[in-house]
C-alpha atoms as a PDB file:
ATOM      1  CA  MET A   1      98.707 105.931 116.203  1.00  0.00           C
ATOM      2  CA  GLN A   2      96.480 106.888 113.318  1.00  0.00           C
ATOM      3  CA  HIS A   3      97.510 105.820 109.839  1.00  0.00           C
ATOM      4  CA  SER A   4      98.501 108.768 107.659  1.00  0.00           C
ATOM      5  CA  SER A   5      95.845 107.976 105.052  1.00  0.00           C
ATOM      6  CA  MET A   6      93.087 108.269 107.631  1.00  0.00           C
ATOM      7  CA  VAL A   7      92.925 112.049 107.498  1.00  0.00           C
ATOM      8  CA  ASP A   8      90.482 113.875 109.748  1.00  0.00           C
ATOM      9  CA  TRP A   9      88.313 115.990 107.424  1.00  0.00           C
ATOM     10  CA  ARG A  10      86.270 117.611 110.183  1.00  0.00           C
ATOM     11  CA  GLY A  11      86.453 121.368 110.261  1.00  0.00           C
ATOM     12  CA  ARG A  12      88.042 121.580 106.822  1.00  0.00           C
ATOM     13  CA  HIS A  13      85.574 120.258 104.252  1.00  0.00           C
ATOM     14  CA  ARG A  14      82.459 118.210 103.921  1.00  0.00           C
ATOM     15  CA  PRO A  15      83.211 114.772 102.442  1.00  0.00           C
ATOM     16  CA  VAL A  16      81.747 113.675  99.125  1.00  0.00           C
ATOM     17  CA  ILE A  17      81.108 109.998  99.770  1.00  0.00           C
ATOM     18  CA  VAL A  18      81.115 107.646  96.774  1.00  0.00           C
ATOM     19  CA  TYR A  19      80.582 103.889  96.766  1.00  0.00           C
ATOM     20  CA  ARG A  20      82.479 101.785  94.244  1.00  0.00           C
ATOM     21  CA  PRO A  21      83.691  98.206  93.712  1.00  0.00           C
ATOM     22  CA  ILE A  22      86.887  97.149  95.447  1.00  0.00           C
ATOM     23  CA  ARG A  23      89.673  96.639  92.901  1.00  0.00           C
ATOM     24  CA  PRO A  24      93.085  94.912  92.824  1.00  0.00           C
ATOM     25  CA  SER A  25      94.729  98.333  93.184  1.00  0.00           C
ATOM     26  CA  ASP A  26      93.079  98.608  96.640  1.00  0.00           C
ATOM     27  CA  LEU A  27      94.962  95.613  98.034  1.00  0.00           C
ATOM     28  CA  GLU A  28      97.577  97.460 100.093  1.00  0.00           C
ATOM     29  CA  VAL A  29      95.154  99.986 101.575  1.00  0.00           C
ATOM     30  CA  LEU A  30      92.567  97.293 102.309  1.00  0.00           C
ATOM     31  CA  GLU A  31      95.151  95.313 104.271  1.00  0.00           C
ATOM     32  CA  LYS A  32      96.270  98.405 106.193  1.00  0.00           C
ATOM     33  CA  ILE A  33      92.721  99.400 107.138  1.00  0.00           C
ATOM     34  CA  HIS A  34      91.940  95.900 108.383  1.00  0.00           C
ATOM     35  CA  THR A  35      95.121  95.955 110.461  1.00  0.00           C
ATOM     36  CA  TYR A  36      94.268  99.401 111.839  1.00  0.00           C
ATOM     37  CA  LEU A  37      90.614  98.688 112.649  1.00  0.00           C
ATOM     38  CA  PHE A  38      90.564  95.072 113.800  1.00  0.00           C
ATOM     39  CA  PRO A  39      92.362  93.278 116.658  1.00  0.00           C
ATOM     40  CA  ILE A  40      92.833  90.235 114.429  1.00  0.00           C
ATOM     41  CA  ARG A  41      94.935  89.049 111.527  1.00  0.00           C
ATOM     42  CA  TYR A  42      93.511  88.035 108.155  1.00  0.00           C
ATOM     43  CA  GLU A  43      95.397  85.751 105.823  1.00  0.00           C
ATOM     44  CA  PRO A  44      96.777  87.200 102.539  1.00  0.00           C
ATOM     45  CA  GLU A  45      94.471  84.843 100.643  1.00  0.00           C
ATOM     46  CA  PHE A  46      91.449  86.639 102.117  1.00  0.00           C
ATOM     47  CA  PHE A  47      92.544  90.025 100.758  1.00  0.00           C
ATOM     48  CA  SER A  48      93.477  88.523  97.409  1.00  0.00           C
ATOM     49  CA  ASN A  49      90.032  86.952  97.135  1.00  0.00           C
ATOM     50  CA  VAL A  50      88.353  90.253  98.039  1.00  0.00           C
ATOM     51  CA  VAL A  51      90.130  92.464  95.507  1.00  0.00           C
ATOM     52  CA  ASN A  52      89.819  89.864  92.759  1.00  0.00           C
ATOM     53  CA  GLY A  53      86.210  88.955  93.513  1.00  0.00           C
ATOM     54  CA  ARG A  54      86.930  85.269  94.068  1.00  0.00           C
ATOM     55  CA  ASP A  55      83.950  83.857  96.008  1.00  0.00           C
ATOM     56  CA  ILE A  56      83.625  87.203  97.830  1.00  0.00           C
ATOM     57  CA  VAL A  57      81.523  90.239  96.936  1.00  0.00           C
ATOM     58  CA  SER A  58      82.526  93.641  98.265  1.00  0.00           C
ATOM     59  CA  TRP A  59      81.824  97.359  98.231  1.00  0.00           C
ATOM     60  CA  GLY A  60      84.281 100.150  98.897  1.00  0.00           C
ATOM     61  CA  VAL A  61      83.852 103.761 100.010  1.00  0.00           C
ATOM     62  CA  VAL A  62      85.963 106.771  99.010  1.00  0.00           C
ATOM     63  CA  ASP A  63      85.858 110.498  99.714  1.00  0.00           C
ATOM     64  CA  ARG A  64      86.071 112.348  96.394  1.00  0.00           C
ATOM     65  CA  SER A  65      86.576 115.702  98.138  1.00  0.00           C
ATOM     66  CA  ARG A  66      89.899 114.839  99.760  1.00  0.00           C
ATOM     67  CA  ARG A  67      92.583 117.389  98.991  1.00  0.00           C
ATOM     68  CA  ASP A  68      95.587 115.192  99.727  1.00  0.00           C
ATOM     69  CA  GLY A  69      95.562 113.372  96.383  1.00  0.00           C
ATOM     70  CA  ARG A  70      93.882 110.317  97.901  1.00  0.00           C
ATOM     71  CA  ASN A  71      90.326 110.905  96.762  1.00  0.00           C
ATOM     72  CA  ASP A  72      90.102 107.371  95.379  1.00  0.00           C
ATOM     73  CA  GLU A  73      91.546 105.690  98.481  1.00  0.00           C
ATOM     74  CA  LEU A  74      89.280 103.449 100.551  1.00  0.00           C
ATOM     75  CA  ILE A  75      87.906 104.843 103.800  1.00  0.00           C
ATOM     76  CA  GLY A  76      85.352 102.055 104.330  1.00  0.00           C
ATOM     77  CA  PHE A  77      84.293  98.664 103.015  1.00  0.00           C
ATOM     78  CA  VAL A  78      82.088  95.636 103.442  1.00  0.00           C
ATOM     79  CA  THR A  79      82.860  92.090 102.309  1.00  0.00           C
ATOM     80  CA  ALA A  80      80.424  89.189 102.024  1.00  0.00           C
ATOM     81  CA  ARG A  81      80.130  85.654 100.722  1.00  0.00           C
ATOM     82  CA  ILE A  82      77.270  83.633  99.229  1.00  0.00           C
ATOM     83  CA  VAL A  83      76.797  80.291 100.985  1.00  0.00           C
ATOM     84  CA  PRO A  84      74.360  77.388 100.366  1.00  0.00           C
ATOM     85  CA  ALA A  85      71.602  77.436 102.991  1.00  0.00           C
ATOM     86  CA  LYS A  86      71.783  73.669 103.510  1.00  0.00           C
ATOM     87  CA  ASP A  87      75.497  73.873 104.368  1.00  0.00           C
ATOM     88  CA  SER A  88      75.271  76.895 106.670  1.00  0.00           C
ATOM     89  CA  GLU A  89      75.360  77.050 110.454  1.00  0.00           C
ATOM     90  CA  ILE A  90      71.917  78.687 110.496  1.00  0.00           C
ATOM     91  CA  GLU A  91      69.988  76.084 108.517  1.00  0.00           C
ATOM     92  CA  ASP A  92      67.889  75.401 111.610  1.00  0.00           C
ATOM     93  CA  LEU A  93      66.915  79.086 111.765  1.00  0.00           C
ATOM     94  CA  LEU A  94      65.286  79.072 108.340  1.00  0.00           C
ATOM     95  CA  ARG A  95      61.887  77.890 107.230  1.00  0.00           C
ATOM     96  CA  PHE A  96      62.123  76.842 103.597  1.00  0.00           C
ATOM     97  CA  ASP A  97      61.308  74.021 101.227  1.00  0.00           C
ATOM     98  CA  THR A  98      63.948  71.366 101.875  1.00  0.00           C
ATOM     99  CA  ALA A  99      63.252  69.940  98.419  1.00  0.00           C
ATOM    100  CA  LYS A 100      64.882  73.047  96.938  1.00  0.00           C
ATOM    101  CA  SER A 101      68.590  72.482  97.363  1.00  0.00           C
ATOM    102  CA  ASP A 102      69.675  75.682  95.610  1.00  0.00           C
ATOM    103  CA  GLN A 103      68.618  78.146  98.312  1.00  0.00           C
ATOM    104  CA  LYS A 104      71.315  80.576  99.366  1.00  0.00           C
ATOM    105  CA  LEU A 105      72.382  82.960 102.136  1.00  0.00           C
ATOM    106  CA  VAL A 106      74.709  85.954 102.187  1.00  0.00           C
ATOM    107  CA  TYR A 107      77.177  86.088 105.066  1.00  0.00           C
ATOM    108  CA  ILE A 108      78.813  89.428 105.931  1.00  0.00           C
ATOM    109  CA  LEU A 109      82.500  88.803 106.575  1.00  0.00           C
ATOM    110  CA  THR A 110      83.920  92.214 107.480  1.00  0.00           C
ATOM    111  CA  LEU A 111      82.565  95.743 107.749  1.00  0.00           C
ATOM    112  CA  GLY A 112      84.560  98.794 108.675  1.00  0.00           C
ATOM    113  CA  VAL A 113      84.777 102.579 108.396  1.00  0.00           C
ATOM    114  CA  VAL A 114      87.874 104.532 109.459  1.00  0.00           C
ATOM    115  CA  ASP A 115      87.463 106.622 112.598  1.00  0.00           C
ATOM    116  CA  SER A 116      87.290 110.067 111.037  1.00  0.00           C
ATOM    117  CA  TYR A 117      84.415 109.084 108.735  1.00  0.00           C
ATOM    118  CA  ARG A 118      82.131 107.466 111.271  1.00  0.00           C
ATOM    119  CA  ASN A 119      78.649 108.687 112.221  1.00  0.00           C
ATOM    120  CA  LEU A 120      77.922 109.706 108.643  1.00  0.00           C
ATOM    121  CA  GLY A 121      75.660 106.769 107.806  1.00  0.00           C
ATOM    122  CA  ILE A 122      78.348 105.025 105.763  1.00  0.00           C
ATOM    123  CA  ALA A 123      78.119 101.686 107.576  1.00  0.00           C
ATOM    124  CA  SER A 124      74.330 101.690 107.228  1.00  0.00           C
ATOM    125  CA  SER A 125      74.622 102.368 103.521  1.00  0.00           C
ATOM    126  CA  LEU A 126      77.107  99.537 103.081  1.00  0.00           C
ATOM    127  CA  ILE A 127      74.775  97.120 104.844  1.00  0.00           C
ATOM    128  CA  GLN A 128      71.929  98.302 102.634  1.00  0.00           C
ATOM    129  CA  GLU A 129      74.073  97.543  99.582  1.00  0.00           C
ATOM    130  CA  VAL A 130      74.538  93.987 100.815  1.00  0.00           C
ATOM    131  CA  ILE A 131      70.808  93.587 101.480  1.00  0.00           C
ATOM    132  CA  LYS A 132      69.917  94.970  98.045  1.00  0.00           C
ATOM    133  CA  TYR A 133      72.421  92.657  96.399  1.00  0.00           C
ATOM    134  CA  ALA A 134      71.146  89.626  98.309  1.00  0.00           C
ATOM    135  CA  SER A 135      67.551  90.539  97.439  1.00  0.00           C
ATOM    136  CA  THR A 136      68.380  90.336  93.719  1.00  0.00           C
ATOM    137  CA  ILE A 137      69.280  86.658  94.159  1.00  0.00           C
ATOM    138  CA  PRO A 138      65.891  84.883  93.890  1.00  0.00           C
ATOM    139  CA  THR A 139      67.052  81.889  95.922  1.00  0.00           C
ATOM    140  CA  CYS A 140      68.641  83.932  98.733  1.00  0.00           C
ATOM    141  CA  ARG A 141      66.649  83.767 101.966  1.00  0.00           C
ATOM    142  CA  ALA A 142      68.662  85.835 104.468  1.00  0.00           C
ATOM    143  CA  VAL A 143      71.700  87.962 105.239  1.00  0.00           C
ATOM    144  CA  TYR A 144      73.508  86.994 108.432  1.00  0.00           C
ATOM    145  CA  LEU A 145      76.641  87.801 110.424  1.00  0.00           C
ATOM    146  CA  HIS A 146      78.394  87.537 113.769  1.00  0.00           C
ATOM    147  CA  VAL A 147      79.243  90.470 116.034  1.00  0.00           C
ATOM    148  CA  ILE A 148      81.683  90.225 118.924  1.00  0.00           C
ATOM    149  CA  SER A 149      79.786  90.763 122.172  1.00  0.00           C
ATOM    150  CA  TYR A 150      81.565  93.945 123.290  1.00  0.00           C
ATOM    151  CA  ASN A 151      81.036  95.840 120.003  1.00  0.00           C
ATOM    152  CA  ASN A 152      78.040  97.880 121.161  1.00  0.00           C
ATOM    153  CA  PRO A 153      78.003 100.306 118.181  1.00  0.00           C
ATOM    154  CA  ALA A 154      77.728  97.394 115.721  1.00  0.00           C
ATOM    155  CA  ILE A 155      75.072  95.665 117.824  1.00  0.00           C
ATOM    156  CA  TYR A 156      73.013  98.856 117.988  1.00  0.00           C
ATOM    157  CA  LEU A 157      73.413  99.412 114.244  1.00  0.00           C
ATOM    158  CA  TYR A 158      72.114  95.982 113.273  1.00  0.00           C
ATOM    159  CA  GLN A 159      69.228  96.221 115.708  1.00  0.00           C
ATOM    160  CA  LYS A 160      68.324  99.608 114.245  1.00  0.00           C
ATOM    161  CA  MET A 161      68.370  98.072 110.776  1.00  0.00           C
ATOM    162  CA  ASN A 162      65.919  95.343 111.831  1.00  0.00           C
ATOM    163  CA  PHE A 163      68.345  92.460 112.009  1.00  0.00           C
ATOM    164  CA  GLN A 164      67.191  89.837 114.499  1.00  0.00           C
ATOM    165  CA  CYS A 165      69.602  88.725 117.205  1.00  0.00           C
ATOM    166  CA  VAL A 166      68.909  85.004 117.478  1.00  0.00           C
ATOM    167  CA  ARG A 167      71.855  83.529 119.371  1.00  0.00           C
ATOM    168  CA  ARG A 168      74.620  84.303 121.793  1.00  0.00           C
ATOM    169  CA  LEU A 169      77.560  81.976 121.191  1.00  0.00           C
ATOM    170  CA  HIS A 170      79.900  81.617 124.143  1.00  0.00           C
ATOM    171  CA  GLY A 171      83.615  81.615 123.392  1.00  0.00           C
ATOM    172  CA  PHE A 172      82.959  81.853 119.653  1.00  0.00           C
ATOM    173  CA  TYR A 173      85.964  84.093 119.000  1.00  0.00           C
ATOM    174  CA  PHE A 174      89.520  83.419 120.148  1.00  0.00           C
ATOM    175  CA  ILE A 175      91.669  86.558 119.986  1.00  0.00           C
ATOM    176  CA  ASN A 176      95.159  86.868 121.417  1.00  0.00           C
ATOM    177  CA  GLY A 177      94.679  83.940 123.751  1.00  0.00           C
ATOM    178  CA  GLN A 178      91.284  85.040 125.063  1.00  0.00           C
ATOM    179  CA  HIS A 179      87.759  83.841 124.281  1.00  0.00           C
ATOM    180  CA  TYR A 180      84.945  86.271 123.442  1.00  0.00           C
ATOM    181  CA  ASP A 181      81.236  85.708 122.933  1.00  0.00           C
ATOM    182  CA  SER A 182      79.461  86.438 119.670  1.00  0.00           C
ATOM    183  CA  PHE A 183      75.942  87.499 118.747  1.00  0.00           C
ATOM    184  CA  LEU A 184      74.375  86.007 115.621  1.00  0.00           C
ATOM    185  CA  PHE A 185      72.189  88.428 113.633  1.00  0.00           C
ATOM    186  CA  ILE A 186      69.845  87.544 110.743  1.00  0.00           C
ATOM    187  CA  TYR A 187      67.940  89.694 108.240  1.00  0.00           C
ATOM    188  CA  TYR A 188      65.350  87.650 106.325  1.00  0.00           C
ATOM    189  CA  ILE A 189      64.629  88.444 102.657  1.00  0.00           C
ATOM    190  CA  ASN A 190      62.746  87.006  99.664  1.00  0.00           C
ATOM    191  CA  GLY A 191      60.235  85.170 101.803  1.00  0.00           C
ATOM    192  CA  GLY A 192      62.807  83.750 104.191  1.00  0.00           C
ATOM    193  CA  ARG A 193      61.620  83.504 107.771  1.00  0.00           C
ATOM    194  CA  SER A 194      62.278  81.906 111.115  1.00  0.00           C
ATOM    195  CA  PRO A 195      61.021  78.338 111.598  1.00  0.00           C
ATOM    196  CA  CYS A 196      59.246  79.673 114.687  1.00  0.00           C
ATOM    197  CA  SER A 197      56.420  82.194 114.718  1.00  0.00           C
ATOM    198  CA  PRO A 198      56.924  85.236 117.003  1.00  0.00           C
ATOM    199  CA  LEU A 199      54.648  83.564 119.564  1.00  0.00           C
ATOM    200  CA  GLU A 200      56.527  80.274 119.340  1.00  0.00           C
ATOM    201  CA  LEU A 201      59.842  82.065 119.684  1.00  0.00           C
ATOM    202  CA  ALA A 202      58.630  84.044 122.714  1.00  0.00           C
ATOM    203  CA  THR A 203      57.291  80.861 124.308  1.00  0.00           C
ATOM    204  CA  ALA A 204      60.551  79.028 123.677  1.00  0.00           C
ATOM    205  CA  MET A 205      62.522  81.926 125.157  1.00  0.00           C
ATOM    206  CA  ALA A 206      60.294  82.029 128.259  1.00  0.00           C
ATOM    207  CA  THR A 207      60.691  78.276 128.699  1.00  0.00           C
ATOM    208  CA  TYR A 208      64.446  78.590 128.309  1.00  0.00           C
ATOM    209  CA  VAL A 209      64.656  81.372 130.907  1.00  0.00           C
ATOM    210  CA  ARG A 210      62.560  79.381 133.387  1.00  0.00           C
ATOM    211  CA  SER A 211      64.728  76.309 132.829  1.00  0.00           C
ATOM    212  CA  GLY A 212      67.849  78.385 133.345  1.00  0.00           C
ATOM    213  CA  LEU A 213      66.551  79.847 136.594  1.00  0.00           C
ATOM    214  CA  LYS A 214      65.618  76.379 137.857  1.00  0.00           C
ATOM    215  CA  LEU A 215      69.079  75.100 136.970  1.00  0.00           C
ATOM    216  CA  VAL A 216      70.788  77.952 138.791  1.00  0.00           C
ATOM    217  CA  ALA A 217      68.531  77.484 141.849  1.00  0.00           C
ATOM    218  CA  ALA A 218      69.271  73.763 141.881  1.00  0.00           C
ATOM    219  CA  LYS A 219      73.006  74.368 141.720  1.00  0.00           C
ATOM    220  CA  LEU A 220      72.870  76.947 144.504  1.00  0.00           C
ATOM    221  CA  TRP A 221      70.882  74.537 146.671  1.00  0.00           C
ATOM    222  CA  LYS A 222      73.245  71.669 145.905  1.00  0.00           C
ATOM    223  CA  ASN A 223      76.320  73.703 146.804  1.00  0.00           C
ATOM    224  CA  GLU A 224      74.868  75.423 149.854  1.00  0.00           C
ATOM    225  CA  GLY A 225      76.360  72.910 152.244  1.00  0.00           C
ATOM    226  CA  LYS A 226      79.780  72.823 150.664  1.00  0.00           C
ATOM    227  CA  LYS A 227      82.846  74.497 152.116  1.00  0.00           C
ATOM    228  CA  ALA A 228      83.332  78.195 151.427  1.00  0.00           C
ATOM    229  CA  SER A 229      86.419  77.414 149.372  1.00  0.00           C
ATOM    230  CA  SER A 230      84.469  75.353 146.843  1.00  0.00           C
ATOM    231  CA  ARG A 231      83.265  77.057 143.693  1.00  0.00           C
ATOM    232  CA  CYS A 232      80.397  76.310 141.367  1.00  0.00           C
ATOM    233  CA  GLY A 233      80.976  76.779 137.614  1.00  0.00           C
ATOM    234  CA  SER A 234      78.165  77.320 135.119  1.00  0.00           C
ATOM    235  CA  SER A 235      78.331  77.517 131.317  1.00  0.00           C
ATOM    236  CA  ASN A 236      74.707  78.070 130.383  1.00  0.00           C
ATOM    237  CA  GLU A 237      74.040  79.022 126.738  1.00  0.00           C
ATOM    238  CA  THR A 238      72.167  82.358 126.799  1.00  0.00           C
ATOM    239  CA  SER A 239      70.695  82.136 123.318  1.00  0.00           C
ATOM    240  CA  LEU A 240      67.215  82.204 121.839  1.00  0.00           C
ATOM    241  CA  VAL A 241      67.879  78.904 120.120  1.00  0.00           C
ATOM    242  CA  THR A 242      70.231  76.373 121.693  1.00  0.00           C
ATOM    243  CA  ALA A 243      72.941  75.137 119.341  1.00  0.00           C
ATOM    244  CA  THR A 244      76.328  73.489 119.347  1.00  0.00           C
ATOM    245  CA  GLN A 245      78.804  75.933 117.856  1.00  0.00           C
ATOM    246  CA  SER A 246      82.491  75.445 117.204  1.00  0.00           C
ATOM    247  CA  LYS A 247      84.829  78.144 118.456  1.00  0.00           C
ATOM    248  CA  ARG A 248      86.356  80.348 115.830  1.00  0.00           C
ATOM    249  CA  SER A 249      89.909  81.628 115.804  1.00  0.00           C
ATOM    250  CA  LEU A 250      90.305  85.031 114.217  1.00  0.00           C
ATOM    251  CA  THR A 251      93.652  84.295 112.654  1.00  0.00           C
ATOM    252  CA  VAL A 252      92.047  82.439 109.763  1.00  0.00           C
ATOM    253  CA  GLU A 253      90.835  83.628 106.398  1.00  0.00           C
ATOM    254  CA  GLY A 254      87.295  84.964 106.261  1.00  0.00           C
ATOM    255  CA  SER A 255      86.284  85.144 109.931  1.00  0.00           C
ATOM    256  CA  GLY A 256      83.646  87.810 110.454  1.00  0.00           C
ATOM    257  CA  TYR A 257      84.286  91.042 112.283  1.00  0.00           C
ATOM    258  CA  GLN A 258      82.423  94.334 112.351  1.00  0.00           C
ATOM    259  CA  CYS A 259      83.851  97.753 113.148  1.00  0.00           C
ATOM    260  CA  VAL A 260      81.445 100.668 112.581  1.00  0.00           C
END
């Protein structure tokens, strides 16, 4: 059931989209939109940190043309956090001077637009706001995020905006008792770049694919003589860069999720 504040404007008026900071007065609506859009639960501390700007930067979206008295009510948002590059999970995906310990990254936590306001370029604009903000931080080298593997609209959006998909993390998310894969996307800024050149990355990927095929062939050969009731299990990491990644439960504060 659609929340009453998520009015469908189509056929009645053209929205006047305005971007503004998220404020403490947005707390209730922000919580409701997250609940409506995402199949996960965020802790109250997360929302409190967002609306009060504690270690989280955010942008909100409103429709000034709404005729229901809610023309300052959020219909979209993006939240992000600045993290030290040396303490991040993507340190190995950056080429930078290790002597400079102050280098930063911006991690997108959540991004969402209510159903009736999608396909208007709002999500793209919100991402651009994050990129522009990150670019103003001289020591920031990249913007990065995770996308759940079945969220095709978000995956397409980030690809269109020149984010690089660098890893697939198996079982990264744990939602309602079930594991889901995640894609890791990176957008390099301020001179940040991959530790591998495009040629090196392509070569590494080709080597990885060949190794994977050999492994599968070897397993098939090994199990050929086994009884029909036996089963072979494989958990190959289908990523551009192999990494050990802890699984992430989406009932904790600050876990990333994108809904566009």
